[in-house]
Amino acid sequence: AEVEYGDHTSPSIFVRFALNDAALAQRIPGADP
């Protein structure tokens, strides 16, 4: 109840996380971890 909402400008970012798990190729054939 103590929070008020108002306009705010924030950075919007897309980030990649390395997915170098060998099991990925077992879940999706053709994947290169």
PDB file of all heavy atoms in Angstrom:
ATOM      1  N   ALA A   1       0.812  -1.218   0.000  1.00  0.00           N
ATOM      2  CA  ALA A   1       0.000   0.000   0.000  1.00  0.00           C
ATOM      3  C   ALA A   1       0.845   1.267   0.000  1.00  0.00           C
ATOM      4  O   ALA A   1       0.324   2.354  -0.240  1.00  0.00           O
ATOM      5  CB  ALA A   1      -0.935   0.001   1.221  1.00  0.00           C
ATOM      6  N   GLU A   2       2.144   1.144   0.266  1.00  0.00           N
ATOM      7  CA  GLU A   2       3.019   2.313   0.311  1.00  0.00           C
ATOM      8  C   GLU A   2       3.740   2.552  -1.012  1.00  0.00           C
ATOM      9  O   GLU A   2       4.585   3.429  -1.114  1.00  0.00           O
ATOM     10  CB  GLU A   2       4.053   2.150   1.428  1.00  0.00           C
ATOM     11  CG  GLU A   2       3.449   2.105   2.816  1.00  0.00           C
ATOM     12  CD  GLU A   2       4.480   1.866   3.898  1.00  0.00           C
ATOM     13  OE1 GLU A   2       5.251   0.896   3.782  1.00  0.00           O
ATOM     14  OE2 GLU A   2       4.516   2.650   4.857  1.00  0.00           O
ATOM     15  N   VAL A   3       3.376   1.776  -2.018  1.00  0.00           N
ATOM     16  CA  VAL A   3       4.018   1.887  -3.327  1.00  0.00           C
ATOM     17  C   VAL A   3       3.076   2.589  -4.296  1.00  0.00           C
ATOM     18  O   VAL A   3       1.896   2.248  -4.389  1.00  0.00           O
ATOM     19  CB  VAL A   3       4.394   0.495  -3.869  1.00  0.00           C
ATOM     20  CG1 VAL A   3       4.866   0.587  -5.311  1.00  0.00           C
ATOM     21  CG2 VAL A   3       5.474  -0.131  -2.999  1.00  0.00           C
ATOM     22  N   GLU A   4       3.601   3.586  -4.978  1.00  0.00           N
ATOM     23  CA  GLU A   4       2.850   4.284  -6.011  1.00  0.00           C
ATOM     24  C   GLU A   4       3.495   4.003  -7.365  1.00  0.00           C
ATOM     25  O   GLU A   4       4.723   3.918  -7.462  1.00  0.00           O
ATOM     26  CB  GLU A   4       2.852   5.801  -5.760  1.00  0.00           C
ATOM     27  CG  GLU A   4       2.209   6.206  -4.442  1.00  0.00           C
ATOM     28  CD  GLU A   4       2.334   7.699  -4.191  1.00  0.00           C
ATOM     29  OE1 GLU A   4       3.175   8.348  -4.852  1.00  0.00           O
ATOM     30  OE2 GLU A   4       1.599   8.212  -3.339  1.00  0.00           O
ATOM     31  N   TYR A   5       2.675   3.880  -8.406  1.00  0.00           N
ATOM     32  CA  TYR A   5       3.215   3.586  -9.731  1.00  0.00           C
ATOM     33  C   TYR A   5       3.213   4.843 -10.597  1.00  0.00           C
ATOM     34  O   TYR A   5       2.257   5.612 -10.607  1.00  0.00           O
ATOM     35  CB  TYR A   5       2.402   2.477 -10.404  1.00  0.00           C
ATOM     36  CG  TYR A   5       2.754   1.107  -9.868  1.00  0.00           C
ATOM     37  CD1 TYR A   5       2.186   0.641  -8.682  1.00  0.00           C
ATOM     38  CD2 TYR A   5       3.686   0.306 -10.515  1.00  0.00           C
ATOM     39  CE1 TYR A   5       2.532  -0.601  -8.174  1.00  0.00           C
ATOM     40  CE2 TYR A   5       4.030  -0.935 -10.010  1.00  0.00           C
ATOM     41  CZ  TYR A   5       3.458  -1.379  -8.842  1.00  0.00           C
ATOM     42  OH  TYR A   5       3.811  -2.604  -8.327  1.00  0.00           O
ATOM     43  N   GLY A   6       4.331   5.051 -11.278  1.00  0.00           N
ATOM     44  CA  GLY A   6       4.471   6.194 -12.159  1.00  0.00           C
ATOM     45  C   GLY A   6       5.375   5.857 -13.325  1.00  0.00           C
ATOM     46  O   GLY A   6       6.036   4.814 -13.339  1.00  0.00           O
ATOM     47  N   ASP A   7       5.414   6.736 -14.311  1.00  0.00           N
ATOM     48  CA  ASP A   7       6.234   6.498 -15.498  1.00  0.00           C
ATOM     49  C   ASP A   7       7.716   6.515 -15.138  1.00  0.00           C
ATOM     50  O   ASP A   7       8.174   7.315 -14.328  1.00  0.00           O
ATOM     51  CB  ASP A   7       5.950   7.556 -16.564  1.00  0.00           C
ATOM     52  CG  ASP A   7       4.545   7.424 -17.141  1.00  0.00           C
ATOM     53  OD1 ASP A   7       3.988   6.321 -17.061  1.00  0.00           O
ATOM     54  OD2 ASP A   7       4.011   8.426 -17.661  1.00  0.00           O
ATOM     55  N   HIS A   8       8.451   5.616 -15.762  1.00  0.00           N
ATOM     56  CA  HIS A   8       9.887   5.504 -15.503  1.00  0.00           C
ATOM     57  C   HIS A   8      10.561   4.957 -16.760  1.00  0.00           C
ATOM     58  O   HIS A   8       9.987   4.128 -17.471  1.00  0.00           O
ATOM     59  CB  HIS A   8      10.133   4.557 -14.319  1.00  0.00           C
ATOM     60  CG  HIS A   8      11.576   4.431 -13.919  1.00  0.00           C
ATOM     61  ND1 HIS A   8      12.261   5.437 -13.294  1.00  0.00           N
ATOM     62  CD2 HIS A   8      12.456   3.405 -14.070  1.00  0.00           C
ATOM     63  CE1 HIS A   8      13.508   5.042 -13.064  1.00  0.00           C
ATOM     64  NE2 HIS A   8      13.654   3.820 -13.524  1.00  0.00           N
ATOM     65  N   THR A   9      11.730   5.445 -17.062  1.00  0.00           N
ATOM     66  CA  THR A   9      12.487   4.954 -18.213  1.00  0.00           C
ATOM     67  C   THR A   9      13.589   4.019 -17.739  1.00  0.00           C
ATOM     68  O   THR A   9      14.397   4.380 -16.886  1.00  0.00           O
ATOM     69  CB  THR A   9      13.105   6.118 -19.002  1.00  0.00           C
ATOM     70  OG1 THR A   9      12.057   6.982 -19.463  1.00  0.00           O
ATOM     71  CG2 THR A   9      13.886   5.601 -20.201  1.00  0.00           C
ATOM     72  N   SER A  10      13.590   2.813 -18.282  1.00  0.00           N
ATOM     73  CA  SER A  10      14.571   1.796 -17.890  1.00  0.00           C
ATOM     74  C   SER A  10      15.318   1.303 -19.122  1.00  0.00           C
ATOM     75  O   SER A  10      14.794   1.338 -20.239  1.00  0.00           O
ATOM     76  CB  SER A  10      13.878   0.602 -17.225  1.00  0.00           C
ATOM     77  OG  SER A  10      13.195   0.976 -16.061  1.00  0.00           O
ATOM     78  N   PRO A  11      16.540   0.811 -18.932  1.00  0.00           N
ATOM     79  CA  PRO A  11      17.241   0.167 -20.047  1.00  0.00           C
ATOM     80  C   PRO A  11      16.600  -1.186 -20.346  1.00  0.00           C
ATOM     81  O   PRO A  11      16.183  -1.907 -19.434  1.00  0.00           O
ATOM     82  CB  PRO A  11      18.675   0.003 -19.523  1.00  0.00           C
ATOM     83  CG  PRO A  11      18.542   0.030 -18.038  1.00  0.00           C
ATOM     84  CD  PRO A  11      17.361   0.886 -17.716  1.00  0.00           C
ATOM     85  N   SER A  12      16.487  -1.503 -21.603  1.00  0.00           N
ATOM     86  CA  SER A  12      15.943  -2.788 -22.043  1.00  0.00           C
ATOM     87  C   SER A  12      17.048  -3.530 -22.779  1.00  0.00           C
ATOM     88  O   SER A  12      17.554  -3.047 -23.789  1.00  0.00           O
ATOM     89  CB  SER A  12      14.743  -2.558 -22.970  1.00  0.00           C
ATOM     90  OG  SER A  12      14.371  -3.747 -23.637  1.00  0.00           O
ATOM     91  N   ILE A  13      17.455  -4.687 -22.264  1.00  0.00           N
ATOM     92  CA  ILE A  13      18.596  -5.392 -22.864  1.00  0.00           C
ATOM     93  C   ILE A  13      18.279  -6.861 -23.113  1.00  0.00           C
ATOM     94  O   ILE A  13      17.518  -7.492 -22.373  1.00  0.00           O
ATOM     95  CB  ILE A  13      19.863  -5.279 -21.990  1.00  0.00           C
ATOM     96  CG1 ILE A  13      19.655  -5.954 -20.619  1.00  0.00           C
ATOM     97  CG2 ILE A  13      20.265  -3.822 -21.811  1.00  0.00           C
ATOM     98  CD1 ILE A  13      20.938  -6.040 -19.793  1.00  0.00           C
ATOM     99  N   PHE A  14      18.866  -7.384 -24.185  1.00  0.00           N
ATOM    100  CA  PHE A  14      18.830  -8.808 -24.498  1.00  0.00           C
ATOM    101  C   PHE A  14      20.247  -9.348 -24.326  1.00  0.00           C
ATOM    102  O   PHE A  14      21.208  -8.768 -24.859  1.00  0.00           O
ATOM    103  CB  PHE A  14      18.333  -9.042 -25.915  1.00  0.00           C
ATOM    104  CG  PHE A  14      16.879  -8.740 -26.121  1.00  0.00           C
ATOM    105  CD1 PHE A  14      16.448  -7.446 -26.368  1.00  0.00           C
ATOM    106  CD2 PHE A  14      15.935  -9.760 -26.056  1.00  0.00           C
ATOM    107  CE1 PHE A  14      15.108  -7.166 -26.558  1.00  0.00           C
ATOM    108  CE2 PHE A  14      14.581  -9.499 -26.247  1.00  0.00           C
ATOM    109  CZ  PHE A  14      14.166  -8.190 -26.485  1.00  0.00           C
ATOM    110  N   VAL A  15      20.349 -10.440 -23.580  1.00  0.00           N
ATOM    111  CA  VAL A  15      21.665 -10.974 -23.200  1.00  0.00           C
ATOM    112  C   VAL A  15      21.726 -12.463 -23.524  1.00  0.00           C
ATOM    113  O   VAL A  15      20.733 -13.190 -23.362  1.00  0.00           O
ATOM    114  CB  VAL A  15      21.922 -10.762 -21.692  1.00  0.00           C
ATOM    115  CG1 VAL A  15      23.303 -11.273 -21.303  1.00  0.00           C
ATOM    116  CG2 VAL A  15      21.764  -9.295 -21.315  1.00  0.00           C
ATOM    117  N   ARG A  16      22.900 -12.912 -23.979  1.00  0.00           N
ATOM    118  CA  ARG A  16      23.060 -14.340 -24.239  1.00  0.00           C
ATOM    119  C   ARG A  16      23.899 -14.995 -23.139  1.00  0.00           C
ATOM    120  O   ARG A  16      24.906 -14.462 -22.710  1.00  0.00           O
ATOM    121  CB  ARG A  16      23.691 -14.577 -25.609  1.00  0.00           C
ATOM    122  CG  ARG A  16      25.127 -14.113 -25.769  1.00  0.00           C
ATOM    123  CD  ARG A  16      25.632 -14.365 -27.178  1.00  0.00           C
ATOM    124  NE  ARG A  16      27.094 -14.223 -27.275  1.00  0.00           N
ATOM    125  CZ  ARG A  16      27.789 -14.421 -28.388  1.00  0.00           C
ATOM    126  NH1 ARG A  16      27.156 -14.773 -29.505  1.00  0.00           N
ATOM    127  NH2 ARG A  16      29.105 -14.291 -28.396  1.00  0.00           N
ATOM    128  N   PHE A  17      23.425 -16.150 -22.671  1.00  0.00           N
ATOM    129  CA  PHE A  17      24.122 -16.977 -21.687  1.00  0.00           C
ATOM    130  C   PHE A  17      24.662 -18.204 -22.417  1.00  0.00           C
ATOM    131  O   PHE A  17      23.894 -18.907 -23.104  1.00  0.00           O
ATOM    132  CB  PHE A  17      23.170 -17.448 -20.585  1.00  0.00           C
ATOM    133  CG  PHE A  17      22.803 -16.404 -19.563  1.00  0.00           C
ATOM    134  CD1 PHE A  17      22.309 -15.160 -19.937  1.00  0.00           C
ATOM    135  CD2 PHE A  17      22.921 -16.682 -18.201  1.00  0.00           C
ATOM    136  CE1 PHE A  17      21.949 -14.221 -18.997  1.00  0.00           C
ATOM    137  CE2 PHE A  17      22.566 -15.742 -17.240  1.00  0.00           C
ATOM    138  CZ  PHE A  17      22.089 -14.508 -17.642  1.00  0.00           C
ATOM    139  N   ALA A  18      25.937 -18.469 -22.302  1.00  0.00           N
ATOM    140  CA  ALA A  18      26.514 -19.649 -22.948  1.00  0.00           C
ATOM    141  C   ALA A  18      25.828 -20.913 -22.450  1.00  0.00           C
ATOM    142  O   ALA A  18      25.655 -21.120 -21.238  1.00  0.00           O
ATOM    143  CB  ALA A  18      28.013 -19.721 -22.668  1.00  0.00           C
ATOM    144  N   LEU A  19      25.410 -21.762 -23.391  1.00  0.00           N
ATOM    145  CA  LEU A  19      24.715 -23.015 -23.049  1.00  0.00           C
ATOM    146  C   LEU A  19      25.594 -24.180 -23.511  1.00  0.00           C
ATOM    147  O   LEU A  19      25.229 -24.977 -24.371  1.00  0.00           O
ATOM    148  CB  LEU A  19      23.347 -23.041 -23.734  1.00  0.00           C
ATOM    149  CG  LEU A  19      22.374 -24.158 -23.357  1.00  0.00           C
ATOM    150  CD1 LEU A  19      22.122 -24.195 -21.855  1.00  0.00           C
ATOM    151  CD2 LEU A  19      21.061 -23.992 -24.107  1.00  0.00           C
ATOM    152  N   ASN A  20      26.793 -24.258 -22.891  1.00  0.00           N
ATOM    153  CA  ASN A  20      27.771 -25.264 -23.327  1.00  0.00           C
ATOM    154  C   ASN A  20      27.654 -26.562 -22.550  1.00  0.00           C
ATOM    155  O   ASN A  20      28.644 -27.155 -22.142  1.00  0.00           O
ATOM    156  CB  ASN A  20      29.187 -24.694 -23.220  1.00  0.00           C
ATOM    157  CG  ASN A  20      29.473 -24.132 -21.835  1.00  0.00           C
ATOM    158  OD1 ASN A  20      28.653 -24.254 -20.933  1.00  0.00           O
ATOM    159  ND2 ASN A  20      30.630 -23.519 -21.666  1.00  0.00           N
ATOM    160  N   ASP A  21      26.420 -26.988 -22.352  1.00  0.00           N
ATOM    161  CA  ASP A  21      26.143 -28.251 -21.667  1.00  0.00           C
ATOM    162  C   ASP A  21      26.079 -29.364 -22.723  1.00  0.00           C
ATOM    163  O   ASP A  21      25.271 -29.296 -23.662  1.00  0.00           O
ATOM    164  CB  ASP A  21      24.817 -28.135 -20.913  1.00  0.00           C
ATOM    165  CG  ASP A  21      24.548 -29.333 -20.019  1.00  0.00           C
ATOM    166  OD1 ASP A  21      25.091 -30.425 -20.287  1.00  0.00           O
ATOM    167  OD2 ASP A  21      23.784 -29.191 -19.046  1.00  0.00           O
ATOM    168  N   ALA A  22      26.897 -30.390 -22.566  1.00  0.00           N
ATOM    169  CA  ALA A  22      26.937 -31.486 -23.538  1.00  0.00           C
ATOM    170  C   ALA A  22      25.583 -32.166 -23.701  1.00  0.00           C
ATOM    171  O   ALA A  22      25.268 -32.711 -24.776  1.00  0.00           O
ATOM    172  CB  ALA A  22      27.992 -32.516 -23.110  1.00  0.00           C
ATOM    173  N   ALA A  23      24.763 -32.094 -22.653  1.00  0.00           N
ATOM    174  CA  ALA A  23      23.449 -32.740 -22.709  1.00  0.00           C
ATOM    175  C   ALA A  23      22.506 -32.047 -23.689  1.00  0.00           C
ATOM    176  O   ALA A  23      21.474 -32.606 -24.069  1.00  0.00           O
ATOM    177  CB  ALA A  23      22.824 -32.776 -21.317  1.00  0.00           C
ATOM    178  N   LEU A  24      22.833 -30.814 -24.112  1.00  0.00           N
ATOM    179  CA  LEU A  24      21.977 -30.099 -25.054  1.00  0.00           C
ATOM    180  C   LEU A  24      21.825 -30.878 -26.353  1.00  0.00           C
ATOM    181  O   LEU A  24      20.740 -30.944 -26.944  1.00  0.00           O
ATOM    182  CB  LEU A  24      22.557 -28.706 -25.340  1.00  0.00           C
ATOM    183  CG  LEU A  24      21.840 -27.873 -26.406  1.00  0.00           C
ATOM    184  CD1 LEU A  24      20.406 -27.565 -25.982  1.00  0.00           C
ATOM    185  CD2 LEU A  24      22.601 -26.576 -26.683  1.00  0.00           C
ATOM    186  N   ALA A  25      22.919 -31.479 -26.807  1.00  0.00           N
ATOM    187  CA  ALA A  25      22.874 -32.238 -28.058  1.00  0.00           C
ATOM    188  C   ALA A  25      21.979 -33.463 -27.949  1.00  0.00           C
ATOM    189  O   ALA A  25      21.448 -33.950 -28.957  1.00  0.00           O
ATOM    190  CB  ALA A  25      24.289 -32.649 -28.465  1.00  0.00           C
ATOM    191  N   GLN A  26      21.809 -33.973 -26.727  1.00  0.00           N
ATOM    192  CA  GLN A  26      20.923 -35.121 -26.520  1.00  0.00           C
ATOM    193  C   GLN A  26      19.461 -34.679 -26.545  1.00  0.00           C
ATOM    194  O   GLN A  26      18.586 -35.431 -26.987  1.00  0.00           O
ATOM    195  CB  GLN A  26      21.248 -35.797 -25.195  1.00  0.00           C
ATOM    196  CG  GLN A  26      22.676 -36.319 -25.106  1.00  0.00           C
ATOM    197  CD  GLN A  26      23.027 -36.778 -23.704  1.00  0.00           C
ATOM    198  OE1 GLN A  26      22.173 -36.872 -22.828  1.00  0.00           O
ATOM    199  NE2 GLN A  26      24.314 -37.077 -23.486  1.00  0.00           N
ATOM    200  N   ARG A  27      19.200 -33.482 -26.083  1.00  0.00           N
ATOM    201  CA  ARG A  27      17.821 -32.980 -26.043  1.00  0.00           C
ATOM    202  C   ARG A  27      17.390 -32.445 -27.417  1.00  0.00           C
ATOM    203  O   ARG A  27      16.226 -32.574 -27.797  1.00  0.00           O
ATOM    204  CB  ARG A  27      17.693 -31.853 -25.016  1.00  0.00           C
ATOM    205  CG  ARG A  27      18.326 -32.127 -23.653  1.00  0.00           C
ATOM    206  CD  ARG A  27      17.522 -33.054 -22.780  1.00  0.00           C
ATOM    207  NE  ARG A  27      18.214 -33.279 -21.504  1.00  0.00           N
ATOM    208  CZ  ARG A  27      18.041 -32.545 -20.409  1.00  0.00           C
ATOM    209  NH1 ARG A  27      17.199 -31.537 -20.425  1.00  0.00           N
ATOM    210  NH2 ARG A  27      18.707 -32.826 -19.294  1.00  0.00           N
ATOM    211  N   ILE A  28      18.340 -31.787 -28.125  1.00  0.00           N
ATOM    212  CA  ILE A  28      18.049 -31.252 -29.458  1.00  0.00           C
ATOM    213  C   ILE A  28      19.139 -31.748 -30.416  1.00  0.00           C
ATOM    214  O   ILE A  28      20.239 -31.187 -30.440  1.00  0.00           O
ATOM    215  CB  ILE A  28      18.000 -29.713 -29.454  1.00  0.00           C
ATOM    216  CG1 ILE A  28      16.949 -29.192 -28.464  1.00  0.00           C
ATOM    217  CG2 ILE A  28      17.715 -29.174 -30.865  1.00  0.00           C
ATOM    218  CD1 ILE A  28      16.859 -27.672 -28.400  1.00  0.00           C
ATOM    219  N   PRO A  29      18.868 -32.784 -31.180  1.00  0.00           N
ATOM    220  CA  PRO A  29      19.863 -33.290 -32.139  1.00  0.00           C
ATOM    221  C   PRO A  29      20.306 -32.182 -33.104  1.00  0.00           C
ATOM    222  O   PRO A  29      19.488 -31.412 -33.608  1.00  0.00           O
ATOM    223  CB  PRO A  29      19.107 -34.399 -32.882  1.00  0.00           C
ATOM    224  CG  PRO A  29      18.078 -34.856 -31.892  1.00  0.00           C
ATOM    225  CD  PRO A  29      17.651 -33.625 -31.157  1.00  0.00           C
ATOM    226  N   GLY A  30      21.609 -32.101 -33.339  1.00  0.00           N
ATOM    227  CA  GLY A  30      22.151 -31.071 -34.206  1.00  0.00           C
ATOM    228  C   GLY A  30      22.688 -29.879 -33.451  1.00  0.00           C
ATOM    229  O   GLY A  30      23.342 -29.003 -34.025  1.00  0.00           O
ATOM    230  N   ALA A  31      22.428 -29.824 -32.140  1.00  0.00           N
ATOM    231  CA  ALA A  31      22.933 -28.727 -31.326  1.00  0.00           C
ATOM    232  C   ALA A  31      24.438 -28.851 -31.147  1.00  0.00           C
ATOM    233  O   ALA A  31      24.978 -29.953 -31.031  1.00  0.00           O
ATOM    234  CB  ALA A  31      22.246 -28.729 -29.965  1.00  0.00           C
ATOM    235  N   ASP A  32      25.097 -27.712 -31.093  1.00  0.00           N
ATOM    236  CA  ASP A  32      26.546 -27.673 -30.861  1.00  0.00           C
ATOM    237  C   ASP A  32      26.789 -26.864 -29.582  1.00  0.00           C
ATOM    238  O   ASP A  32      26.821 -25.627 -29.621  1.00  0.00           O
ATOM    239  CB  ASP A  32      27.262 -27.024 -32.041  1.00  0.00           C
ATOM    240  CG  ASP A  32      28.788 -27.023 -31.863  1.00  0.00           C
ATOM    241  OD1 ASP A  32      29.271 -27.412 -30.789  1.00  0.00           O
ATOM    242  OD2 ASP A  32      29.491 -26.597 -32.815  1.00  0.00           O
ATOM    243  N   PRO A  33      26.945 -27.528 -28.443  1.00  0.00           N
ATOM    244  CA  PRO A  33      27.097 -26.818 -27.169  1.00  0.00           C
ATOM    245  C   PRO A  33      28.261 -25.838 -27.141  1.00  0.00           C
ATOM    246  O   PRO A  33      28.239 -24.883 -26.359  1.00  0.00           O
ATOM    247  CB  PRO A  33      27.303 -27.953 -26.156  1.00  0.00           C
ATOM    248  CG  PRO A  33      26.657 -29.145 -26.796  1.00  0.00           C
ATOM    249  CD  PRO A  33      26.919 -28.992 -28.261  1.00  0.00           C
TER     250      PRO A  33
END
